């Protein structure tokens, strides 16, 4: 995505409510706001049923790295299950937002 288009996209995302955004935009906006979570959080909070695919799309579209690590959560009938936990580092968020604001 070219810088000019990226700046417009960031401005649009900041000004929009969640009813006017796509799933990818909604999750990206949440991540830029400091949201962290796994697939079950994303389903409840962001209405995203395939978080891993959305994360991949965000990384490709916005050229930003989404951090991830494996964690254990309580699954079906309380049995532990492994899921990926996703977030964007604050330094990366700040760098991304300042880069998009300056037009670089």
C-alpha atoms as a PDB file:
ATOM      1  CA  UNK A   1       0.000   0.000   0.000  1.00  0.00           C
ATOM      2  CA  UNK A   2       1.440   3.378  -1.020  1.00  0.00           C
ATOM      3  CA  UNK A   3       2.091   5.897   1.732  1.00  0.00           C
ATOM      4  CA  UNK A   4      -0.572   8.355   0.559  1.00  0.00           C
ATOM      5  CA  UNK A   5      -3.151   5.580   0.477  1.00  0.00           C
ATOM      6  CA  UNK A   6      -1.969   4.338   3.862  1.00  0.00           C
ATOM      7  CA  UNK A   7      -2.420   7.800   5.392  1.00  0.00           C
ATOM      8  CA  UNK A   8      -5.974   7.984   4.043  1.00  0.00           C
ATOM      9  CA  UNK A   9      -6.686   4.477   5.316  1.00  0.00           C
ATOM     10  CA  UNK A  10      -5.409   5.251   8.836  1.00  0.00           C
ATOM     11  CA  UNK A  11      -7.464   8.467   8.965  1.00  0.00           C
ATOM     12  CA  UNK A  12     -10.556   6.633   7.780  1.00  0.00           C
ATOM     13  CA  UNK A  13     -10.080   3.857  10.346  1.00  0.00           C
ATOM     14  CA  UNK A  14      -9.599   6.344  13.200  1.00  0.00           C
ATOM     15  CA  UNK A  15     -12.772   8.227  12.233  1.00  0.00           C
ATOM     16  CA  UNK A  16     -15.015   5.232  11.518  1.00  0.00           C
ATOM     17  CA  UNK A  17     -17.158   3.247  13.883  1.00  0.00           C
ATOM     18  CA  UNK A  18     -16.995  -0.540  13.756  1.00  0.00           C
ATOM     19  CA  UNK A  19     -20.240  -0.855  11.799  1.00  0.00           C
ATOM     20  CA  UNK A  20     -18.585   0.777   8.767  1.00  0.00           C
ATOM     21  CA  UNK A  21     -15.419  -1.338   8.660  1.00  0.00           C
ATOM     22  CA  UNK A  22     -14.434  -4.723   7.276  1.00  0.00           C
ATOM     23  CA  UNK A  23     -13.298  -7.531   9.551  1.00  0.00           C
ATOM     24  CA  UNK A  24      -9.652  -6.891   8.651  1.00  0.00           C
ATOM     25  CA  UNK A  25     -10.009  -3.178   9.365  1.00  0.00           C
ATOM     26  CA  UNK A  26     -11.857  -3.843  12.630  1.00  0.00           C
ATOM     27  CA  UNK A  27      -9.150  -6.201  13.936  1.00  0.00           C
ATOM     28  CA  UNK A  28      -6.341  -3.914  12.742  1.00  0.00           C
ATOM     29  CA  UNK A  29      -7.953  -0.944  14.473  1.00  0.00           C
ATOM     30  CA  UNK A  30      -8.223  -2.993  17.681  1.00  0.00           C
ATOM     31  CA  UNK A  31      -4.567  -4.053  17.462  1.00  0.00           C
ATOM     32  CA  UNK A  32      -3.458  -0.440  16.891  1.00  0.00           C
ATOM     33  CA  UNK A  33      -5.484   0.504  19.972  1.00  0.00           C
ATOM     34  CA  UNK A  34      -3.505  -1.997  22.061  1.00  0.00           C
ATOM     35  CA  UNK A  35      -5.859  -4.995  21.894  1.00  0.00           C
ATOM     36  CA  UNK A  36      -4.189  -8.336  22.538  1.00  0.00           C
ATOM     37  CA  UNK A  37      -5.803 -11.726  22.345  1.00  0.00           C
ATOM     38  CA  UNK A  38      -6.346 -15.148  20.863  1.00  0.00           C
ATOM     39  CA  UNK A  39      -8.965 -16.690  18.569  1.00  0.00           C
ATOM     40  CA  UNK A  40     -11.582 -17.141  21.297  1.00  0.00           C
ATOM     41  CA  UNK A  41     -11.233 -13.506  22.491  1.00  0.00           C
ATOM     42  CA  UNK A  42     -11.409 -12.336  18.889  1.00  0.00           C
ATOM     43  CA  UNK A  43     -14.595 -14.273  18.264  1.00  0.00           C
ATOM     44  CA  UNK A  44     -16.333 -12.803  21.321  1.00  0.00           C
ATOM     45  CA  UNK A  45     -14.935  -9.275  21.170  1.00  0.00           C
ATOM     46  CA  UNK A  46     -14.283  -8.625  17.480  1.00  0.00           C
ATOM     47  CA  UNK A  47     -16.613 -11.146  15.795  1.00  0.00           C
ATOM     48  CA  UNK A  48     -13.684 -12.728  13.954  1.00  0.00           C
ATOM     49  CA  UNK A  49     -13.958 -16.492  13.508  1.00  0.00           C
ATOM     50  CA  UNK A  50     -10.612 -16.992  11.685  1.00  0.00           C
ATOM     51  CA  UNK A  51      -8.164 -14.715  13.491  1.00  0.00           C
ATOM     52  CA  UNK A  52      -5.047 -16.360  12.058  1.00  0.00           C
ATOM     53  CA  UNK A  53      -6.192 -15.554   8.520  1.00  0.00           C
ATOM     54  CA  UNK A  54      -7.090 -11.993   9.464  1.00  0.00           C
ATOM     55  CA  UNK A  55      -3.669 -11.494  11.076  1.00  0.00           C
ATOM     56  CA  UNK A  56      -1.977 -12.729   7.902  1.00  0.00           C
ATOM     57  CA  UNK A  57      -4.050 -10.321   5.810  1.00  0.00           C
ATOM     58  CA  UNK A  58      -3.186  -7.408   8.121  1.00  0.00           C
ATOM     59  CA  UNK A  59       0.522  -8.132   7.859  1.00  0.00           C
ATOM     60  CA  UNK A  60       0.358  -8.275   4.063  1.00  0.00           C
ATOM     61  CA  UNK A  61      -1.889  -5.241   3.604  1.00  0.00           C
ATOM     62  CA  UNK A  62      -0.294  -2.878   6.132  1.00  0.00           C
ATOM     63  CA  UNK A  63       3.307  -4.191   6.160  1.00  0.00           C
ATOM     64  CA  UNK A  64       3.407  -4.435   9.935  1.00  0.00           C
ATOM     65  CA  UNK A  65       4.495  -7.381  12.078  1.00  0.00           C
ATOM     66  CA  UNK A  66       1.933  -8.823  14.450  1.00  0.00           C
ATOM     67  CA  UNK A  67       3.668 -10.572  17.330  1.00  0.00           C
ATOM     68  CA  UNK A  68       2.493 -14.021  18.379  1.00  0.00           C
ATOM     69  CA  UNK A  69       3.169 -16.737  20.904  1.00  0.00           C
ATOM     70  CA  UNK A  70       1.596 -20.046  21.876  1.00  0.00           C
ATOM     71  CA  UNK A  71      -0.427 -20.096  25.107  1.00  0.00           C
ATOM     72  CA  UNK A  72      -2.685 -22.640  26.804  1.00  0.00           C
ATOM     73  CA  UNK A  73      -6.332 -21.829  27.482  1.00  0.00           C
ATOM     74  CA  UNK A  74      -9.215 -23.821  28.842  1.00  0.00           C
ATOM     75  CA  UNK A  75     -10.939 -25.603  25.969  1.00  0.00           C
ATOM     76  CA  UNK A  76     -13.824 -28.041  25.577  1.00  0.00           C
ATOM     77  CA  UNK A  77     -14.865 -29.508  28.943  1.00  0.00           C
ATOM     78  CA  UNK A  78     -12.032 -27.599  30.607  1.00  0.00           C
ATOM     79  CA  UNK A  79      -9.269 -29.461  28.798  1.00  0.00           C
ATOM     80  CA  UNK A  80      -6.271 -27.254  27.984  1.00  0.00           C
ATOM     81  CA  UNK A  81      -5.779 -26.304  24.370  1.00  0.00           C
ATOM     82  CA  UNK A  82      -3.003 -24.382  22.653  1.00  0.00           C
ATOM     83  CA  UNK A  83      -3.800 -21.163  20.785  1.00  0.00           C
ATOM     84  CA  UNK A  84      -1.787 -18.319  19.341  1.00  0.00           C
ATOM     85  CA  UNK A  85      -1.882 -15.037  21.240  1.00  0.00           C
ATOM     86  CA  UNK A  86      -1.490 -11.924  19.031  1.00  0.00           C
ATOM     87  CA  UNK A  87      -0.461  -8.319  19.624  1.00  0.00           C
ATOM     88  CA  UNK A  88       1.483  -5.448  18.079  1.00  0.00           C
ATOM     89  CA  UNK A  89       4.335  -4.069  20.190  1.00  0.00           C
ATOM     90  CA  UNK A  90       3.747  -0.497  21.373  1.00  0.00           C
ATOM     91  CA  UNK A  91       6.979   0.650  19.725  1.00  0.00           C
ATOM     92  CA  UNK A  92       5.783  -0.794  16.406  1.00  0.00           C
ATOM     93  CA  UNK A  93       2.378   0.859  16.819  1.00  0.00           C
ATOM     94  CA  UNK A  94       4.011   4.234  17.491  1.00  0.00           C
ATOM     95  CA  UNK A  95       6.463   3.816  14.608  1.00  0.00           C
ATOM     96  CA  UNK A  96       3.660   2.787  12.243  1.00  0.00           C
ATOM     97  CA  UNK A  97       1.381   5.673  13.262  1.00  0.00           C
ATOM     98  CA  UNK A  98       4.156   8.293  13.114  1.00  0.00           C
ATOM     99  CA  UNK A  99       5.334   6.942   9.753  1.00  0.00           C
ATOM    100  CA  UNK A 100       1.811   7.099   8.332  1.00  0.00           C
ATOM    101  CA  UNK A 101       1.239  10.576   9.814  1.00  0.00           C
ATOM    102  CA  UNK A 102       4.455  11.960   8.315  1.00  0.00           C
ATOM    103  CA  UNK A 103       3.704  10.530   4.890  1.00  0.00           C
ATOM    104  CA  UNK A 104       6.775   8.246   4.669  1.00  0.00           C
END
